[in-house]
N, C-alpha and C. Protein backbone atom coordinates (compact mmCIF):
# COMPACT_ATOMS: atom_id res chain seq x y z
N MET A 1 242.32 27.10 151.69
CA MET A 1 242.49 26.24 150.53
C MET A 1 241.69 24.95 150.70
N GLY A 2 241.63 24.46 151.94
CA GLY A 2 240.91 23.22 152.21
C GLY A 2 239.43 23.34 151.91
N GLN A 3 238.85 24.52 152.21
CA GLN A 3 237.43 24.73 151.94
C GLN A 3 237.16 24.72 150.44
N LEU A 4 238.02 25.31 149.67
CA LEU A 4 237.86 25.35 148.21
C LEU A 4 237.91 23.94 147.63
N VAL A 5 238.85 23.14 148.10
CA VAL A 5 238.97 21.76 147.64
C VAL A 5 237.71 20.98 148.02
N SER A 6 237.23 21.21 149.22
CA SER A 6 236.02 20.54 149.69
C SER A 6 234.82 20.92 148.82
N ASP A 7 234.69 22.20 148.51
CA ASP A 7 233.56 22.66 147.69
C ASP A 7 233.63 22.10 146.27
N VAL A 8 234.81 22.12 145.70
CA VAL A 8 234.97 21.57 144.35
C VAL A 8 234.66 20.08 144.35
N THR A 9 235.10 19.39 145.38
CA THR A 9 234.82 17.96 145.49
C THR A 9 233.32 17.71 145.58
N LYS A 10 232.62 18.51 146.37
CA LYS A 10 231.17 18.36 146.50
C LYS A 10 230.47 18.60 145.16
N ILE A 11 230.92 19.61 144.43
CA ILE A 11 230.32 19.92 143.13
C ILE A 11 230.55 18.76 142.16
N LEU A 12 231.76 18.24 142.14
CA LEU A 12 232.06 17.12 141.24
C LEU A 12 231.28 15.86 141.62
N GLU A 13 231.15 15.61 142.92
CA GLU A 13 230.36 14.46 143.37
C GLU A 13 228.90 14.64 142.99
N TYR A 14 228.40 15.87 143.09
CA TYR A 14 227.02 16.17 142.71
C TYR A 14 226.81 15.90 141.22
N LYS A 15 227.76 16.36 140.40
CA LYS A 15 227.63 16.15 138.95
C LYS A 15 227.66 14.66 138.62
N ASP A 16 228.53 13.92 139.28
CA ASP A 16 228.60 12.47 139.05
C ASP A 16 227.30 11.79 139.47
N ALA A 17 226.78 12.18 140.63
CA ALA A 17 225.54 11.60 141.13
C ALA A 17 224.37 11.94 140.20
N LYS A 18 224.39 13.15 139.67
CA LYS A 18 223.34 13.58 138.76
C LYS A 18 223.39 12.76 137.47
N LYS A 19 224.58 12.52 136.94
CA LYS A 19 224.74 11.70 135.74
C LYS A 19 224.27 10.27 136.00
N GLU A 20 224.62 9.73 137.15
CA GLU A 20 224.23 8.36 137.51
C GLU A 20 222.71 8.26 137.64
N ALA A 21 222.09 9.26 138.27
CA ALA A 21 220.63 9.26 138.42
C ALA A 21 219.96 9.34 137.05
N SER A 22 220.50 10.15 136.17
CA SER A 22 219.95 10.26 134.82
C SER A 22 220.09 8.94 134.08
N SER A 23 221.22 8.29 134.23
CA SER A 23 221.44 6.99 133.59
C SER A 23 220.45 5.96 134.13
N GLN A 24 220.22 5.95 135.43
CA GLN A 24 219.27 5.02 136.03
C GLN A 24 217.86 5.28 135.53
N ARG A 25 217.49 6.57 135.42
CA ARG A 25 216.16 6.91 134.90
C ARG A 25 216.00 6.41 133.47
N GLN A 26 217.04 6.57 132.66
CA GLN A 26 216.97 6.10 131.27
C GLN A 26 216.82 4.58 131.21
N LYS A 27 217.51 3.87 132.08
CA LYS A 27 217.39 2.41 132.12
C LYS A 27 215.97 2.00 132.52
N ILE A 28 215.42 2.69 133.50
CA ILE A 28 214.06 2.37 133.95
C ILE A 28 213.05 2.67 132.85
N LEU A 29 213.22 3.80 132.16
CA LEU A 29 212.31 4.14 131.07
C LEU A 29 212.41 3.12 129.93
N ALA A 30 213.62 2.65 129.65
CA ALA A 30 213.79 1.62 128.62
C ALA A 30 213.10 0.33 129.04
N GLN A 31 213.18 0.00 130.32
CA GLN A 31 212.51 -1.20 130.83
C GLN A 31 210.99 -1.05 130.73
N ILE A 32 210.49 0.13 131.03
CA ILE A 32 209.05 0.38 130.92
C ILE A 32 208.60 0.20 129.47
N ALA A 33 209.36 0.76 128.53
CA ALA A 33 209.01 0.63 127.11
C ALA A 33 209.04 -0.83 126.67
N GLU A 34 210.04 -1.57 127.13
CA GLU A 34 210.15 -2.99 126.79
C GLU A 34 208.97 -3.78 127.37
N ASP A 35 208.61 -3.47 128.61
CA ASP A 35 207.48 -4.14 129.26
C ASP A 35 206.17 -3.84 128.53
N GLU A 36 206.00 -2.59 128.09
CA GLU A 36 204.79 -2.23 127.36
C GLU A 36 204.69 -3.00 126.05
N GLN A 37 205.81 -3.16 125.36
CA GLN A 37 205.81 -3.91 124.11
C GLN A 37 205.50 -5.39 124.37
N THR A 38 206.11 -5.95 125.40
CA THR A 38 205.85 -7.34 125.77
C THR A 38 204.38 -7.53 126.14
N LYS A 39 203.85 -6.60 126.93
CA LYS A 39 202.44 -6.67 127.33
C LYS A 39 201.53 -6.62 126.10
N THR A 40 201.80 -5.69 125.20
CA THR A 40 200.98 -5.56 123.99
C THR A 40 201.02 -6.84 123.16
N ASN A 41 202.21 -7.39 122.99
CA ASN A 41 202.34 -8.62 122.21
C ASN A 41 201.60 -9.78 122.88
N LEU A 42 201.72 -9.88 124.19
CA LEU A 42 201.06 -10.95 124.93
C LEU A 42 199.54 -10.83 124.83
N ILE A 43 199.04 -9.62 125.00
CA ILE A 43 197.60 -9.40 124.91
C ILE A 43 197.10 -9.75 123.51
N LYS A 44 197.82 -9.32 122.48
CA LYS A 44 197.41 -9.64 121.11
C LYS A 44 197.38 -11.15 120.90
N LYS A 45 198.37 -11.83 121.42
CA LYS A 45 198.44 -13.29 121.26
C LYS A 45 197.26 -13.97 121.96
N ILE A 46 196.99 -13.57 123.19
CA ILE A 46 195.89 -14.17 123.95
C ILE A 46 194.55 -13.88 123.28
N LEU A 47 194.36 -12.63 122.86
CA LEU A 47 193.09 -12.28 122.21
C LEU A 47 192.93 -13.02 120.89
N ALA A 48 194.01 -13.16 120.13
CA ALA A 48 193.93 -13.89 118.86
C ALA A 48 193.58 -15.36 119.12
N THR A 49 194.19 -15.93 120.14
CA THR A 49 193.89 -17.33 120.49
C THR A 49 192.44 -17.48 120.90
N GLN A 50 191.97 -16.57 121.73
CA GLN A 50 190.59 -16.64 122.19
C GLN A 50 189.62 -16.42 121.04
N ASN A 51 189.92 -15.46 120.17
CA ASN A 51 189.07 -15.23 119.00
C ASN A 51 189.02 -16.47 118.11
N ALA A 52 190.16 -17.12 117.94
CA ALA A 52 190.21 -18.34 117.13
C ALA A 52 189.35 -19.44 117.76
N LYS A 53 189.40 -19.57 119.08
CA LYS A 53 188.57 -20.57 119.77
C LYS A 53 187.09 -20.27 119.57
N TYR A 54 186.71 -19.00 119.71
CA TYR A 54 185.31 -18.64 119.50
C TYR A 54 184.91 -18.88 118.05
N GLY A 55 185.78 -18.53 117.13
CA GLY A 55 185.48 -18.75 115.71
C GLY A 55 185.33 -20.23 115.39
N ALA A 56 186.20 -21.05 115.97
CA ALA A 56 186.14 -22.49 115.72
C ALA A 56 184.88 -23.11 116.32
N SER A 57 184.36 -22.50 117.36
CA SER A 57 183.14 -23.04 117.99
C SER A 57 181.87 -22.50 117.33
N GLY A 58 182.03 -21.64 116.34
CA GLY A 58 180.87 -21.13 115.61
C GLY A 58 180.34 -19.81 116.11
N ASN A 59 181.00 -19.21 117.09
CA ASN A 59 180.56 -17.90 117.58
C ASN A 59 181.19 -16.81 116.73
N SER A 60 180.46 -15.74 116.56
CA SER A 60 180.97 -14.64 115.73
C SER A 60 181.86 -13.70 116.51
N GLY A 61 181.75 -13.71 117.80
CA GLY A 61 182.54 -12.78 118.62
C GLY A 61 181.84 -11.46 118.83
N ASN A 62 180.63 -11.33 118.31
CA ASN A 62 179.88 -10.08 118.47
C ASN A 62 179.00 -10.07 119.70
N GLY A 63 178.89 -11.21 120.36
CA GLY A 63 178.01 -11.30 121.53
C GLY A 63 178.61 -10.65 122.75
N PHE A 64 177.75 -10.35 123.72
CA PHE A 64 178.20 -9.70 124.95
C PHE A 64 179.16 -10.58 125.73
N SER A 65 178.86 -11.85 125.86
CA SER A 65 179.68 -12.72 126.70
C SER A 65 181.09 -12.88 126.15
N GLU A 66 181.22 -12.95 124.81
CA GLU A 66 182.55 -13.07 124.22
C GLU A 66 183.37 -11.81 124.48
N ASN A 67 182.73 -10.66 124.31
CA ASN A 67 183.44 -9.40 124.55
C ASN A 67 183.83 -9.26 126.02
N ALA A 68 182.97 -9.72 126.91
CA ALA A 68 183.28 -9.66 128.34
C ALA A 68 184.48 -10.54 128.67
N VAL A 69 184.52 -11.73 128.05
CA VAL A 69 185.65 -12.64 128.29
C VAL A 69 186.94 -12.01 127.75
N LEU A 70 186.87 -11.44 126.56
CA LEU A 70 188.06 -10.83 125.97
C LEU A 70 188.54 -9.63 126.80
N LYS A 71 187.59 -8.86 127.30
CA LYS A 71 187.96 -7.72 128.15
C LYS A 71 188.64 -8.21 129.42
N ARG A 72 188.08 -9.25 130.03
CA ARG A 72 188.67 -9.80 131.26
C ARG A 72 190.07 -10.34 130.97
N LEU A 73 190.24 -11.03 129.86
CA LEU A 73 191.57 -11.55 129.50
C LEU A 73 192.57 -10.42 129.31
N ARG A 74 192.14 -9.36 128.66
CA ARG A 74 193.02 -8.20 128.43
C ARG A 74 193.44 -7.59 129.76
N GLU A 75 192.48 -7.43 130.66
CA GLU A 75 192.78 -6.82 131.97
C GLU A 75 193.70 -7.71 132.81
N GLU A 76 193.42 -9.01 132.82
CA GLU A 76 194.24 -9.93 133.61
C GLU A 76 195.67 -9.99 133.08
N THR A 77 195.80 -9.95 131.78
CA THR A 77 197.13 -10.00 131.17
C THR A 77 197.92 -8.72 131.44
N ALA A 78 197.24 -7.60 131.41
CA ALA A 78 197.91 -6.31 131.57
C ALA A 78 198.23 -5.99 133.02
N LYS A 79 197.52 -6.57 133.96
CA LYS A 79 197.66 -6.19 135.38
C LYS A 79 199.09 -6.27 135.91
N PRO A 80 199.82 -7.40 135.72
CA PRO A 80 201.19 -7.44 136.27
C PRO A 80 202.11 -6.39 135.64
N TYR A 81 201.89 -6.12 134.37
CA TYR A 81 202.73 -5.13 133.70
C TYR A 81 202.40 -3.72 134.17
N ASP A 82 201.13 -3.46 134.43
CA ASP A 82 200.75 -2.15 134.95
C ASP A 82 201.32 -1.92 136.34
N GLU A 83 201.31 -2.98 137.16
CA GLU A 83 201.89 -2.86 138.51
C GLU A 83 203.40 -2.63 138.43
N LYS A 84 204.06 -3.33 137.52
CA LYS A 84 205.50 -3.14 137.35
C LYS A 84 205.81 -1.73 136.86
N ARG A 85 204.96 -1.22 135.97
CA ARG A 85 205.15 0.14 135.45
C ARG A 85 205.04 1.16 136.58
N LYS A 86 204.04 0.98 137.45
CA LYS A 86 203.88 1.89 138.59
C LYS A 86 205.10 1.84 139.50
N ALA A 87 205.61 0.64 139.74
CA ALA A 87 206.80 0.49 140.59
C ALA A 87 208.00 1.18 139.94
N ASN A 88 208.15 1.04 138.63
CA ASN A 88 209.26 1.69 137.94
C ASN A 88 209.14 3.20 137.96
N LEU A 89 207.93 3.71 137.85
CA LEU A 89 207.74 5.16 137.92
C LEU A 89 208.08 5.68 139.32
N GLU A 90 207.79 4.90 140.34
CA GLU A 90 208.17 5.28 141.70
C GLU A 90 209.70 5.32 141.83
N LYS A 91 210.37 4.36 141.20
CA LYS A 91 211.83 4.34 141.24
C LYS A 91 212.39 5.60 140.58
N ILE A 92 211.77 6.02 139.48
CA ILE A 92 212.23 7.23 138.80
C ILE A 92 212.08 8.44 139.71
N LYS A 93 210.96 8.52 140.41
CA LYS A 93 210.73 9.65 141.32
C LYS A 93 211.78 9.70 142.44
N LYS A 94 212.27 8.53 142.83
CA LYS A 94 213.25 8.47 143.91
C LYS A 94 214.67 8.76 143.43
N GLN A 95 214.88 8.89 142.14
CA GLN A 95 216.20 9.13 141.58
C GLN A 95 216.55 10.62 141.60
N LYS A 96 216.41 11.22 142.74
CA LYS A 96 216.74 12.64 142.88
C LYS A 96 218.07 12.79 143.60
N VAL A 97 218.81 13.77 143.16
CA VAL A 97 220.12 14.03 143.74
C VAL A 97 220.06 15.36 144.47
N LYS A 98 220.54 15.37 145.71
CA LYS A 98 220.53 16.59 146.50
C LYS A 98 221.67 17.49 146.04
N LYS A 99 221.31 18.71 145.68
CA LYS A 99 222.28 19.70 145.23
C LYS A 99 223.01 20.28 146.44
N PRO A 100 224.33 20.35 146.37
CA PRO A 100 225.06 20.90 147.52
C PRO A 100 224.78 22.40 147.69
N ASN A 101 224.58 22.82 148.92
CA ASN A 101 224.36 24.22 149.23
C ASN A 101 225.65 24.80 149.80
N LEU A 102 226.45 25.36 148.92
CA LEU A 102 227.77 25.86 149.32
C LEU A 102 227.69 27.10 150.21
N ILE A 103 226.67 27.92 150.01
CA ILE A 103 226.55 29.13 150.83
C ILE A 103 226.33 28.76 152.29
N THR A 104 225.45 27.80 152.54
CA THR A 104 225.21 27.35 153.91
C THR A 104 226.48 26.77 154.51
N ASN A 105 227.20 26.05 153.69
CA ASN A 105 228.47 25.46 154.14
C ASN A 105 229.47 26.55 154.51
N TRP A 106 229.57 27.56 153.67
CA TRP A 106 230.49 28.67 153.95
C TRP A 106 230.07 29.42 155.21
N LEU A 107 228.78 29.68 155.37
CA LEU A 107 228.30 30.40 156.54
C LEU A 107 228.59 29.63 157.83
N SER A 108 228.45 28.31 157.78
CA SER A 108 228.76 27.53 158.98
C SER A 108 230.24 27.59 159.31
N LYS A 109 231.09 27.66 158.30
CA LYS A 109 232.54 27.79 158.54
C LYS A 109 232.87 29.15 159.14
N ILE A 110 232.18 30.18 158.67
CA ILE A 110 232.39 31.53 159.22
C ILE A 110 231.94 31.56 160.67
N ASP A 111 230.80 30.92 160.96
CA ASP A 111 230.31 30.88 162.34
C ASP A 111 231.32 30.14 163.23
N ASP A 112 231.93 29.07 162.71
CA ASP A 112 232.93 28.33 163.47
C ASP A 112 234.14 29.21 163.77
N ILE A 113 234.55 29.97 162.78
CA ILE A 113 235.71 30.84 162.94
C ILE A 113 235.41 31.97 163.92
N ALA A 114 234.22 32.58 163.76
CA ALA A 114 233.85 33.74 164.58
C ALA A 114 233.43 33.32 166.00
N GLY A 115 232.92 32.12 166.12
CA GLY A 115 232.30 31.75 167.36
C GLY A 115 233.14 31.14 168.37
C-alpha cells in the first residue's frame, strides 16, 4: 500500500510541477511580448525625434549619413531588449519538469525484495 501511495504522490507532484512550469512559461512569454512592445515604441519615439531634428536642420533624411545614424540608433535602442529576450527564452528552456518513471521505481523495489 505504501508503494501505491508513493507513486500517486509522485504523479500528483509531477502534475503540479508541470502546471507551475507552464504558468512560468506563460509569464515569461507575456514579459517578452511586453518588452517587444516597449522596444518598438521606444525605437519609434527615438526615430521620430531624430527625423524631426534632421527636418528642422534642413536635411531631407534621404542621405546616406542620416540613414546610417537612424540605423545605429535603432540597433542601440533594441540591443538591451534583444539581450533580455534571449535571457527569457533561456529561462523558458529551463522550465522542464522531470516525469516520474514508475516502472524503474517498481523494479528497484522488486530488486530490494528479491535481493
